[in-house]
Amino acid sequence: MLIIKNCNLINMAGIYEEKKDLVIEDGKILDICDNAVSKYNVGHVSIDACGHYVTPGFVEPHCQLGVREQIYRFEGDDSNETSDPILPQLRTLDAINPADEGFQMALAGGVTTAVVCPGDANLIGGTCAAIKTAGKTVSDLTIVPELAFHMSLTDEVKTTYSGKRSPKTRLATAALIREALMKAKNYHTSWKLAETDPSKKPPKFDMKLHSLMRVFDGMPVKITAKRSYDMATAIRIAEEFGLHYTLEDCTESWLIPDLLKKHNVSCVVGPSYGSKSSENRNRDPIVGSVLEEHGIPFASSTAHPKMNIELSAIHLTLMYKKGLTALTALESATINAARVCGLDQRVGSLEPGKDADIVIWDGYPLDYYSSASTVLIEGKVVYQK
């Protein structure tokens, strides 16, 4: 049993800046109480938080951690397979390198869970994996091996294939995604019919379609779109095929909040700070406060390595400085990020029964000068400043 005492606790489940003790057993939160040392007076180890802020570990909902290594070495960049724009059979899990420098950066930024996705050069780039950010092997890291599909409606697709093959325009981008979904839907119908009716012959096995057909069983889809009209196209396609989807990056989401509200869209936002060129010319940290004002749920993302994952708290602070409330800022990196990714039963808040993924900060988390001083994953200290 481990007790973290004297916490200034923000647990993202109703406790905000209250002096509490956390009790951990077998990697899970066992109890949150006022005086755990007295309540559990034998057989425990204590960590004294010394009154510092304590939060759940941050959840990074969209990145290329371990797949596109921090320093962009050729041998460490496996984020984009550019042999074909439609590759739903790929699995990000197969390319994650646990020795990537980015994992230590994640821990230094208080990030304990990450959803690792393919890059943006494929219209359909395969499946994303949910992992913890400390472990020696991929099996040590993995929470969900195939969490969601990734699709992309960005300029990167056009620039990757322009001059080689389709798509060269947004017309073809949308058409190719529709074509793949139509084929997968027909394949899904035939396959399921053959499973229930022995007289029906299943379709000839197609690895692409067999993988993609899972979206018609409810497997989530993460659709990257930056410009407002690309976001509108993503919504149109997703609703046309009844997909369970979120919009990712969402650079211009602050320009179309009414559309997002109308369609009840959940967004993964970020990075909202950086260079303003091409699709990112309307990038602005004001995005957080606009979405909050309109009641649109969102999660914060650095999209590492586009923005260094170690700066996760700084990303929140930038949006906080532009009008986002402190509580919503912290929610966007914890419980909202976990909820958007379907991981909120395990991570995102500190509650009995959930993973003991905990960050002790050396100051207020939304202060520019604060940083994670101690990080625990499933009750084990994995980082100390």
Protein backbone atom coordinates (compact mmCIF):
# COMPACT_ATOMS: atom_id res chain seq x y z
CA MET A 1 0.00 0.00 0.00
CA LEU A 2 1.19 3.49 -0.87
CA ILE A 3 -0.08 6.73 0.65
CA ILE A 4 0.50 10.12 -0.92
CA LYS A 5 -0.21 12.53 1.90
CA ASN A 6 -0.67 16.29 2.12
CA CYS A 7 -1.97 16.68 -1.43
CA ASN A 8 -3.53 19.89 -2.68
CA LEU A 9 -5.77 17.68 -4.73
CA ILE A 10 -7.49 18.36 -8.05
CA ASN A 11 -8.92 14.95 -8.88
CA MET A 12 -11.15 15.97 -11.85
CA ALA A 13 -14.13 14.35 -10.16
CA GLY A 14 -15.45 17.01 -7.79
CA ILE A 15 -12.41 17.69 -5.60
CA TYR A 16 -10.70 20.96 -6.48
CA GLU A 17 -7.80 22.32 -4.44
CA GLU A 18 -8.63 20.40 -1.25
CA LYS A 19 -6.15 18.93 1.22
CA LYS A 20 -6.48 15.15 0.84
CA ASP A 21 -4.49 11.94 1.04
CA LEU A 22 -4.45 9.35 -1.73
CA VAL A 23 -4.30 5.65 -0.90
CA ILE A 24 -3.01 3.31 -3.60
CA GLU A 25 -3.05 -0.46 -3.73
CA ASP A 26 -2.21 -2.83 -6.61
CA GLY A 27 -1.80 0.07 -9.00
CA LYS A 28 -5.29 1.48 -8.36
CA ILE A 29 -6.72 4.29 -6.27
CA LEU A 30 -8.10 2.63 -3.15
CA ASP A 31 -9.26 5.66 -1.18
CA ILE A 32 -9.24 9.45 -0.96
CA CYS A 33 -9.44 10.67 2.63
CA ASP A 34 -8.37 13.33 5.10
CA ASN A 35 -5.86 11.38 7.20
CA ALA A 36 -4.82 8.16 5.54
CA VAL A 37 -1.86 7.51 7.83
CA SER A 38 -4.19 7.20 10.81
CA LYS A 39 -6.85 5.31 8.88
CA TYR A 40 -4.33 2.84 7.41
CA ASN A 41 -1.87 2.68 10.27
CA VAL A 42 0.11 -0.43 9.27
CA GLY A 43 1.91 -1.76 6.21
CA HIS A 44 2.19 1.31 4.04
CA VAL A 45 4.79 3.49 2.34
CA SER A 46 4.27 7.25 2.26
CA ILE A 47 5.14 10.02 -0.16
CA ASP A 48 4.70 13.53 1.21
CA ALA A 49 3.33 15.89 -1.43
CA CYS A 50 4.12 18.78 0.96
CA GLY A 51 0.93 20.64 0.04
CA HIS A 52 1.76 20.75 -3.66
CA TYR A 53 -0.86 20.42 -6.38
CA VAL A 54 -1.68 16.84 -7.30
CA THR A 55 -3.63 15.91 -10.44
CA PRO A 56 -4.33 12.87 -12.57
CA GLY A 57 -1.71 12.13 -15.18
CA PHE A 58 -2.42 13.96 -18.43
CA VAL A 59 -3.92 12.07 -21.35
CA GLU A 60 -2.52 12.94 -24.80
CA PRO A 61 -5.37 12.08 -27.20
CA HIS A 62 -3.51 12.28 -30.52
CA CYS A 63 0.22 12.05 -31.19
CA GLN A 64 2.95 10.08 -32.95
CA LEU A 65 4.91 9.23 -29.80
CA GLY A 66 7.35 6.42 -30.52
CA VAL A 67 6.33 6.29 -34.18
CA ARG A 68 7.73 9.62 -35.35
CA GLU A 69 10.72 10.12 -33.16
CA GLN A 70 11.43 13.50 -31.63
CA ILE A 71 14.53 14.31 -33.66
CA TYR A 72 13.06 13.15 -37.01
CA ARG A 73 15.69 10.57 -37.90
CA PHE A 74 14.78 8.72 -41.08
CA GLU A 75 15.00 5.35 -39.39
CA GLY A 76 12.73 6.58 -36.60
CA ASP A 77 9.95 8.04 -38.75
CA ASP A 78 7.28 5.42 -39.40
CA SER A 79 4.25 7.69 -39.18
CA ASN A 80 3.31 7.70 -42.87
CA GLU A 81 3.20 4.78 -45.29
CA THR A 82 2.98 6.60 -48.61
CA SER A 83 2.59 3.64 -50.97
CA ASP A 84 -1.20 4.03 -50.99
CA PRO A 85 -3.60 6.70 -49.63
CA ILE A 86 -6.01 4.03 -48.31
CA LEU A 87 -4.36 1.67 -45.80
CA PRO A 88 -6.85 0.74 -43.05
CA GLN A 89 -5.03 -2.52 -42.35
CA LEU A 90 -2.02 -0.77 -40.76
CA ARG A 91 -1.62 -0.77 -36.97
CA THR A 92 0.32 1.99 -35.24
CA LEU A 93 1.16 -0.46 -32.46
CA ASP A 94 3.52 -2.29 -34.83
CA ALA A 95 5.80 0.75 -35.14
CA ILE A 96 6.03 2.10 -31.58
CA ASN A 97 9.58 2.35 -30.27
CA PRO A 98 9.55 2.45 -26.44
CA ALA A 99 13.11 3.84 -26.51
CA ASP A 100 12.02 7.03 -28.30
CA GLU A 101 13.25 10.13 -26.48
CA GLY A 102 9.66 11.35 -26.53
CA PHE A 103 8.61 9.01 -23.73
CA GLN A 104 10.88 10.72 -21.22
CA MET A 105 9.58 14.07 -22.49
CA ALA A 106 6.02 12.87 -21.94
CA LEU A 107 6.75 11.98 -18.33
CA ALA A 108 8.47 15.33 -17.76
CA GLY A 109 5.28 16.96 -19.02
CA GLY A 110 3.03 14.95 -16.71
CA VAL A 111 1.61 12.81 -19.54
CA THR A 112 0.93 9.24 -18.43
CA THR A 113 -1.39 8.04 -21.22
CA ALA A 114 -1.10 8.67 -24.95
CA VAL A 115 -3.10 7.72 -28.02
CA VAL A 116 -0.61 7.12 -30.80
CA CYS A 117 -1.90 7.59 -34.34
CA PRO A 118 -0.58 7.30 -37.89
CA GLY A 119 0.44 10.53 -39.61
CA ASP A 120 -1.69 12.73 -41.85
CA ALA A 121 -0.41 11.62 -45.28
CA ASN A 122 -3.00 8.87 -45.71
CA LEU A 123 -6.72 9.35 -46.22
CA ILE A 124 -7.20 6.24 -44.10
CA GLY A 125 -3.98 5.43 -42.30
CA GLY A 126 -4.82 2.52 -40.03
CA THR A 127 -5.55 2.18 -36.34
CA CYS A 128 -4.40 4.16 -33.30
CA ALA A 129 -3.13 2.57 -30.08
CA ALA A 130 -3.65 3.69 -26.48
CA ILE A 131 -0.54 3.30 -24.35
CA LYS A 132 1.01 4.28 -21.03
CA THR A 133 4.18 6.35 -21.29
CA ALA A 134 6.53 4.16 -19.22
CA GLY A 135 7.64 0.61 -19.98
CA LYS A 136 10.42 -1.35 -21.62
CA THR A 137 8.36 -3.15 -24.25
CA VAL A 138 5.29 -2.37 -26.30
CA SER A 139 3.35 -5.00 -24.36
CA ASP A 140 4.28 -3.17 -21.14
CA LEU A 141 2.87 0.06 -22.58
CA THR A 142 -0.30 -1.08 -24.29
CA ILE A 143 -3.77 -0.31 -22.92
CA VAL A 144 -5.82 -0.78 -26.12
CA PRO A 145 -3.95 -2.11 -29.18
CA GLU A 146 -6.49 -0.78 -31.70
CA LEU A 147 -8.50 2.05 -30.23
CA ALA A 148 -9.74 3.88 -33.34
CA PHE A 149 -9.15 4.40 -37.04
CA HIS A 150 -7.40 7.50 -38.28
CA MET A 151 -8.55 9.41 -41.35
CA SER A 152 -7.14 12.64 -42.70
CA LEU A 153 -8.59 15.55 -44.66
CA THR A 154 -5.51 17.74 -44.81
CA ASP A 155 -3.24 19.29 -47.42
CA GLU A 156 -0.58 16.74 -46.50
CA VAL A 157 -2.50 14.06 -48.37
CA LYS A 158 -2.62 16.13 -51.56
CA THR A 159 1.04 17.13 -51.40
CA THR A 160 2.10 13.53 -50.76
CA TYR A 161 0.36 12.08 -53.81
CA SER A 162 0.22 15.07 -56.17
CA GLY A 163 1.94 14.19 -59.43
CA LYS A 164 1.90 10.48 -58.59
CA ARG A 165 -1.70 9.39 -58.25
CA SER A 166 -5.05 10.48 -56.86
CA PRO A 167 -5.90 12.42 -54.75
CA LYS A 168 -4.74 15.71 -56.18
CA THR A 169 -7.78 17.72 -55.05
CA ARG A 170 -10.24 17.85 -52.17
CA LEU A 171 -12.79 16.42 -54.60
CA ALA A 172 -10.81 13.21 -54.91
CA THR A 173 -9.93 13.19 -51.19
CA ALA A 174 -13.58 12.98 -50.17
CA ALA A 175 -14.48 10.62 -53.02
CA LEU A 176 -11.76 8.09 -52.17
CA ILE A 177 -12.79 7.97 -48.51
CA ARG A 178 -16.42 7.48 -49.54
CA GLU A 179 -15.47 4.75 -51.98
CA ALA A 180 -13.50 2.87 -49.30
CA LEU A 181 -16.36 3.17 -46.81
CA MET A 182 -18.93 2.00 -49.37
CA LYS A 183 -16.85 -1.08 -50.18
CA ALA A 184 -16.29 -1.78 -46.49
CA LYS A 185 -20.00 -1.44 -45.75
CA ASN A 186 -20.95 -3.90 -48.50
CA TYR A 187 -18.21 -6.28 -47.35
CA HIS A 188 -19.44 -5.98 -43.73
CA THR A 189 -23.02 -6.76 -44.76
CA SER A 190 -21.98 -9.85 -46.71
CA TRP A 191 -19.58 -11.07 -44.02
CA LYS A 192 -22.11 -10.73 -41.19
CA LEU A 193 -24.81 -12.38 -43.28
CA ALA A 194 -22.54 -15.38 -43.90
CA GLU A 195 -21.85 -15.64 -40.17
CA THR A 196 -25.56 -15.93 -39.36
CA ASP A 197 -26.69 -17.88 -42.41
CA PRO A 198 -24.60 -20.97 -43.33
CA SER A 199 -26.16 -21.02 -46.79
CA LYS A 200 -24.52 -17.68 -47.62
CA LYS A 201 -20.95 -17.60 -48.88
CA PRO A 202 -18.71 -14.94 -47.26
CA PRO A 203 -16.98 -12.46 -49.57
CA LYS A 204 -13.42 -13.17 -50.69
CA PHE A 205 -11.13 -12.10 -47.85
CA ASP A 206 -9.78 -8.57 -48.29
CA MET A 207 -7.47 -7.37 -45.52
CA LYS A 208 -8.22 -3.69 -46.13
CA LEU A 209 -11.98 -4.14 -46.08
CA HIS A 210 -11.91 -6.67 -43.24
CA SER A 211 -10.12 -4.14 -41.07
CA LEU A 212 -12.15 -1.10 -42.12
CA MET A 213 -15.51 -2.84 -41.79
CA ARG A 214 -15.13 -2.58 -38.01
CA VAL A 215 -16.30 1.04 -38.19
CA PHE A 216 -19.76 -0.41 -38.90
CA ASP A 217 -19.57 -2.30 -35.62
CA GLY A 218 -18.95 1.00 -33.81
CA MET A 219 -15.17 1.23 -33.80
CA PRO A 220 -14.35 4.96 -33.39
CA VAL A 221 -12.81 7.10 -36.11
CA LYS A 222 -10.48 10.04 -35.52
CA ILE A 223 -10.67 12.42 -38.49
CA THR A 224 -7.94 15.04 -38.77
CA ALA A 225 -9.09 18.31 -40.36
CA LYS A 226 -7.70 21.79 -39.88
CA ARG A 227 -9.67 24.14 -42.11
CA SER A 228 -13.30 24.86 -41.37
CA TYR A 229 -14.59 23.54 -44.71
CA ASP A 230 -12.56 20.34 -44.32
CA MET A 231 -14.13 19.89 -40.90
CA ALA A 232 -17.55 20.32 -42.52
CA THR A 233 -16.65 17.64 -45.09
CA ALA A 234 -15.53 15.31 -42.31
CA ILE A 235 -18.85 15.78 -40.52
CA ARG A 236 -20.77 15.19 -43.75
CA ILE A 237 -18.96 11.93 -44.53
CA ALA A 238 -19.06 10.66 -40.95
CA GLU A 239 -22.79 11.23 -40.62
CA GLU A 240 -23.48 9.84 -44.08
CA PHE A 241 -21.99 6.50 -42.97
CA GLY A 242 -23.08 6.64 -39.33
CA LEU A 243 -19.53 6.71 -37.96
CA HIS A 244 -18.66 7.11 -34.28
CA TYR A 245 -16.18 9.95 -34.77
CA THR A 246 -14.20 12.84 -33.33
CA LEU A 247 -12.55 15.70 -35.18
CA GLU A 248 -8.80 16.09 -34.61
CA ASP A 249 -6.49 19.12 -34.77
CA CYS A 250 -9.47 21.43 -35.43
CA THR A 251 -7.34 24.52 -36.08
CA GLU A 252 -10.31 26.57 -37.33
CA SER A 253 -12.94 25.10 -35.00
CA TRP A 254 -13.18 28.45 -33.23
CA LEU A 255 -14.49 29.94 -36.50
CA ILE A 256 -17.42 27.47 -36.79
CA PRO A 257 -18.67 26.73 -33.25
CA ASP A 258 -22.33 26.84 -34.31
CA LEU A 259 -21.79 24.07 -36.87
CA LEU A 260 -19.95 21.91 -34.35
CA LYS A 261 -22.65 22.50 -31.75
CA LYS A 262 -25.41 21.66 -34.24
CA HIS A 263 -23.82 18.30 -35.03
CA ASN A 264 -22.81 17.55 -31.43
CA VAL A 265 -19.16 17.14 -32.41
CA SER A 266 -16.41 16.32 -29.92
CA CYS A 267 -13.04 17.84 -30.80
CA VAL A 268 -9.41 17.09 -30.12
CA VAL A 269 -7.77 20.51 -30.31
CA GLY A 270 -4.19 21.32 -30.98
CA PRO A 271 -1.56 22.25 -31.16
CA SER A 272 -3.11 25.72 -31.02
CA TYR A 273 0.25 27.48 -30.97
CA GLY A 274 3.02 27.53 -33.55
CA SER A 275 3.85 28.73 -37.03
CA LYS A 276 1.04 30.19 -39.11
CA SER A 277 1.41 28.89 -42.63
CA SER A 278 -0.85 27.13 -45.10
CA GLU A 279 -3.60 25.34 -43.18
CA ASN A 280 -2.45 26.79 -39.86
CA ARG A 281 -2.90 30.45 -40.67
CA ASN A 282 -5.88 30.76 -38.31
CA ARG A 283 -4.18 28.88 -35.46
CA ASP A 284 -4.92 30.66 -32.18
CA PRO A 285 -5.09 29.57 -28.50
CA ILE A 286 -8.42 31.40 -28.31
CA VAL A 287 -9.92 28.17 -29.64
CA GLY A 288 -10.33 26.81 -26.10
CA SER A 289 -12.40 29.67 -24.73
CA VAL A 290 -14.61 29.81 -27.84
CA LEU A 291 -15.41 26.10 -27.66
CA GLU A 292 -16.05 26.36 -23.91
CA GLU A 293 -18.37 29.33 -24.42
CA HIS A 294 -20.43 27.30 -26.89
CA GLY A 295 -20.53 24.18 -24.72
CA ILE A 296 -18.51 22.06 -27.14
CA PRO A 297 -16.55 19.27 -25.41
CA PHE A 298 -12.90 19.13 -26.38
CA ALA A 299 -9.57 17.60 -25.46
CA SER A 300 -6.19 19.30 -25.63
CA SER A 301 -3.44 17.83 -27.80
CA THR A 302 0.16 18.69 -28.60
CA ALA A 303 0.08 16.27 -31.58
CA HIS A 304 3.66 15.42 -30.58
CA PRO A 305 6.14 15.92 -32.16
CA LYS A 306 4.38 18.83 -33.88
CA MET A 307 4.51 20.43 -30.42
CA ASN A 308 6.80 18.86 -27.85
CA ILE A 309 4.69 16.67 -25.55
CA GLU A 310 6.70 18.01 -22.60
CA LEU A 311 4.85 21.30 -23.19
CA SER A 312 1.39 19.81 -22.58
CA ALA A 313 0.76 22.04 -19.57
CA ILE A 314 2.07 25.07 -21.47
CA HIS A 315 -0.46 24.34 -24.22
CA LEU A 316 -3.20 24.54 -21.57
CA THR A 317 -1.70 27.71 -20.14
CA LEU A 318 -1.75 29.43 -23.54
CA MET A 319 -5.48 28.70 -23.89
CA TYR A 320 -6.03 29.73 -20.24
CA LYS A 321 -4.35 33.08 -20.98
CA LYS A 322 -6.82 33.52 -23.85
CA GLY A 323 -9.92 33.14 -21.70
CA LEU A 324 -10.35 29.40 -21.11
CA THR A 325 -11.30 28.73 -17.49
CA ALA A 326 -8.76 26.90 -15.34
CA LEU A 327 -11.02 23.94 -14.61
CA THR A 328 -11.93 23.38 -18.26
CA ALA A 329 -8.26 23.69 -19.23
CA LEU A 330 -7.30 20.93 -16.81
CA GLU A 331 -10.31 18.82 -17.83
CA SER A 332 -9.24 19.05 -21.47
CA ALA A 333 -5.97 17.29 -20.65
CA THR A 334 -7.39 14.77 -18.20
CA ILE A 335 -10.98 13.55 -17.93
CA ASN A 336 -12.23 15.08 -21.21
CA ALA A 337 -9.26 13.68 -23.12
CA ALA A 338 -9.88 10.27 -21.57
CA ARG A 339 -13.61 10.48 -22.31
CA VAL A 340 -13.10 11.50 -25.95
CA CYS A 341 -10.85 8.47 -26.38
CA GLY A 342 -13.13 6.07 -24.50
CA LEU A 343 -10.57 5.55 -21.73
CA ASP A 344 -12.36 7.33 -18.88
CA GLN A 345 -13.15 4.11 -17.00
CA ARG A 346 -9.41 3.73 -16.31
CA VAL A 347 -7.72 7.12 -16.52
CA GLY A 348 -8.40 10.86 -16.57
CA SER A 349 -9.46 11.30 -12.94
CA LEU A 350 -8.36 10.11 -9.52
CA GLU A 351 -11.21 8.01 -8.15
CA PRO A 352 -11.35 4.69 -6.30
CA GLY A 353 -10.92 1.82 -8.75
CA LYS A 354 -9.11 3.86 -11.41
CA ASP A 355 -5.44 3.61 -12.35
CA ALA A 356 -3.13 5.40 -9.95
CA ASP A 357 -1.61 7.65 -12.64
CA ILE A 358 -0.66 10.72 -10.63
CA VAL A 359 1.34 13.92 -11.04
CA ILE A 360 2.74 15.98 -8.18
CA TRP A 361 3.49 19.47 -9.49
CA ASP A 362 6.02 21.94 -8.08
CA GLY A 363 3.55 24.80 -8.57
CA TYR A 364 0.12 25.51 -10.01
CA PRO A 365 -0.18 23.40 -13.19
CA LEU A 366 -1.24 26.40 -15.31
CA ASP A 367 1.69 28.56 -14.23
CA TYR A 368 4.32 28.97 -16.95
CA TYR A 369 7.06 28.19 -14.44
CA SER A 370 5.52 25.03 -12.97
CA SER A 371 6.48 21.52 -13.95
CA ALA A 372 5.88 17.93 -12.95
CA SER A 373 8.14 17.02 -10.05
CA THR A 374 7.00 13.42 -9.46
CA VAL A 375 5.00 11.17 -11.79
CA LEU A 376 3.46 7.81 -10.93
CA ILE A 377 1.94 5.30 -13.32
CA GLU A 378 -0.22 2.61 -11.77
CA GLY A 379 1.19 3.47 -8.37
CA LYS A 380 4.88 3.28 -9.33
CA VAL A 381 7.16 6.30 -9.44
CA VAL A 382 8.38 6.56 -13.05
CA TYR A 383 9.75 10.10 -13.08
CA GLN A 384 11.25 12.53 -10.59
CA LYS A 385 12.57 15.94 -11.49
